[in-house]
C-alpha cells in the first residue's frame, strides 16, 4: 500500500513538469518555427522569397498540419515575397512572414525574419493593414 502511495506522489509531482507554460508555448509555436525554416530554405533555393504555397511546399517536409495554428484553429496567414535575407533589414522592425488569423486572448503569434514574435490587435492593425 505504501508503494502505491509513493508512486502516486511521484507521478503527481512529475506530471506538471511536462505541462509548464513554456512547454505549452513551444508546442503552440512549433508550426510557425517549421514554417520559418521552410520559408528560409525556399528563399535560398529559389534565390528569392517564395511566391506561393507550391513553391514553399517543395522545401517543406513537415506536412500540412503545421500550416494551421493550434491556438485559433485557423490556417496561418503567409505573406508571400517577403525578403528574409535583405542586408538592410532593420532588426528592430523585421518583416512579418506569417501570423495567426485570430490568435488567442487578443495576441497573435507569428514569425518575422528574425524569429518568433507576438503582436496585439492594435499592433496588427498598424503593422499589417488589410
Protein backbone atom coordinates (compact mmCIF):
# COMPACT_ATOMS: atom_id res chain seq x y z
CA UNK A 1 0.00 0.00 0.00
CA UNK A 2 2.84 2.36 0.86
CA UNK A 3 4.48 1.69 -2.54
CA UNK A 4 1.31 2.76 -4.39
CA UNK A 5 1.17 5.96 -2.36
CA UNK A 6 4.80 6.76 -3.22
CA UNK A 7 4.23 6.06 -6.91
CA UNK A 8 1.14 8.27 -6.88
CA UNK A 9 3.12 11.05 -5.22
CA UNK A 10 5.97 10.77 -7.73
CA UNK A 11 3.57 10.85 -10.69
CA UNK A 12 1.71 13.82 -9.18
CA UNK A 13 4.96 15.73 -8.76
CA UNK A 14 6.36 14.92 -12.19
CA UNK A 15 3.18 15.33 -14.25
CA UNK A 16 3.07 19.14 -14.17
CA UNK A 17 6.69 19.36 -15.35
CA UNK A 18 5.73 18.40 -18.91
CA UNK A 19 2.88 20.90 -18.94
CA UNK A 20 4.71 24.08 -17.97
CA UNK A 21 3.55 27.28 -19.67
CA UNK A 22 6.86 27.47 -21.53
CA UNK A 23 6.47 23.92 -22.86
CA UNK A 24 2.92 24.67 -23.99
CA UNK A 25 4.04 27.89 -25.71
CA UNK A 26 6.76 26.00 -27.56
CA UNK A 27 4.27 23.36 -28.71
CA UNK A 28 1.90 26.09 -29.88
CA UNK A 29 4.70 27.81 -31.83
CA UNK A 30 6.17 24.64 -33.36
CA UNK A 31 4.30 25.05 -36.65
CA UNK A 32 5.50 28.62 -37.01
CA UNK A 33 9.08 27.54 -36.43
CA UNK A 34 8.77 24.85 -39.13
CA UNK A 35 7.20 27.44 -41.42
CA UNK A 36 10.05 29.90 -40.85
CA UNK A 37 12.64 27.21 -41.58
CA UNK A 38 10.90 26.17 -44.81
CA UNK A 39 10.47 29.81 -45.88
CA UNK A 40 14.18 30.45 -45.39
CA UNK A 41 15.17 27.26 -47.22
CA UNK A 42 12.88 28.14 -50.12
CA UNK A 43 14.36 31.64 -50.27
CA UNK A 44 17.89 30.23 -50.51
CA UNK A 45 16.98 27.56 -53.07
CA UNK A 46 14.96 29.93 -55.27
CA UNK A 47 17.33 32.86 -54.78
CA UNK A 48 14.23 34.88 -53.92
CA UNK A 49 11.34 34.60 -51.45
CA UNK A 50 8.63 32.03 -52.24
CA UNK A 51 5.62 33.49 -54.04
CA UNK A 52 3.04 30.82 -53.21
CA UNK A 53 2.35 27.65 -51.24
CA UNK A 54 3.53 25.35 -54.04
CA UNK A 55 6.99 26.96 -54.01
CA UNK A 56 7.12 26.71 -50.22
CA UNK A 57 5.98 23.08 -50.09
CA UNK A 58 8.94 21.99 -52.20
CA UNK A 59 11.03 22.84 -49.13
CA UNK A 60 8.50 21.68 -46.56
CA UNK A 61 8.94 18.18 -45.20
CA UNK A 62 6.57 18.54 -42.27
CA UNK A 63 3.10 18.07 -43.79
CA UNK A 64 0.06 20.33 -43.89
CA UNK A 65 -0.76 20.09 -40.18
CA UNK A 66 1.85 22.78 -39.45
CA UNK A 67 0.01 25.26 -41.66
CA UNK A 68 -2.78 25.65 -39.07
CA UNK A 69 -2.45 27.38 -35.73
CA UNK A 70 -3.28 25.16 -32.74
CA UNK A 71 -4.22 28.31 -30.81
CA UNK A 72 -7.06 29.56 -33.06
CA UNK A 73 -7.57 26.52 -35.31
CA UNK A 74 -7.19 28.59 -38.49
CA UNK A 75 -4.59 28.45 -41.25
CA UNK A 76 -1.69 30.85 -40.79
CA UNK A 77 -1.64 33.96 -42.94
CA UNK A 78 1.53 33.66 -45.03
CA UNK A 79 2.94 36.79 -46.62
CA UNK A 80 4.48 35.77 -49.92
CA UNK A 81 7.52 37.52 -51.35
CA UNK A 82 8.86 38.78 -48.01
CA UNK A 83 12.64 39.05 -48.10
CA UNK A 84 14.32 37.32 -45.16
CA UNK A 85 17.85 37.91 -46.46
CA UNK A 86 17.80 41.64 -47.06
CA UNK A 87 21.15 43.04 -45.83
CA UNK A 88 19.36 46.30 -44.96
CA UNK A 89 16.87 44.50 -42.72
CA UNK A 90 16.04 46.55 -39.61
CA UNK A 91 16.33 44.13 -36.65
CA UNK A 92 14.09 46.41 -34.59
CA UNK A 93 11.29 46.12 -37.18
CA UNK A 94 11.75 42.90 -39.15
CA UNK A 95 9.15 42.00 -41.76
CA UNK A 96 6.41 39.53 -40.81
CA UNK A 97 6.45 36.25 -42.73
CA UNK A 98 3.37 34.58 -41.24
CA UNK A 99 0.95 35.07 -38.36
CA UNK A 100 -2.27 33.77 -36.84
CA UNK A 101 -5.57 34.97 -38.27
CA UNK A 102 -7.23 35.45 -34.87
CA UNK A 103 -4.78 34.37 -32.18
CA UNK A 104 -5.67 33.83 -28.56
CA UNK A 105 -6.66 36.29 -25.84
CA UNK A 106 -6.02 39.29 -28.12
CA UNK A 107 -2.49 38.16 -29.01
CA UNK A 108 -1.41 36.80 -32.39
CA UNK A 109 1.72 34.69 -32.68
CA UNK A 110 3.75 34.92 -35.82
CA UNK A 111 7.19 34.78 -37.31
CA UNK A 112 9.30 37.59 -38.61
CA UNK A 113 12.57 37.44 -40.48
CA UNK A 114 14.19 37.45 -37.02
CA UNK A 115 12.09 34.65 -35.46
CA UNK A 116 9.03 34.05 -33.31
CA UNK A 117 7.11 37.10 -32.14
CA UNK A 118 3.71 38.20 -30.87
CA UNK A 119 1.50 41.18 -31.60
CA UNK A 120 -1.67 42.66 -30.16
CA UNK A 121 -4.67 43.52 -32.32
CA UNK A 122 -3.60 47.19 -32.23
CA UNK A 123 -0.09 46.31 -33.41
CA UNK A 124 -1.57 44.12 -36.13
CA UNK A 125 -3.71 46.98 -37.39
CA UNK A 126 -0.66 49.28 -37.57
CA UNK A 127 1.87 46.78 -38.93
CA UNK A 128 -0.24 44.73 -41.31
CA UNK A 129 -3.16 46.76 -42.60
CA UNK A 130 -5.67 44.93 -44.83
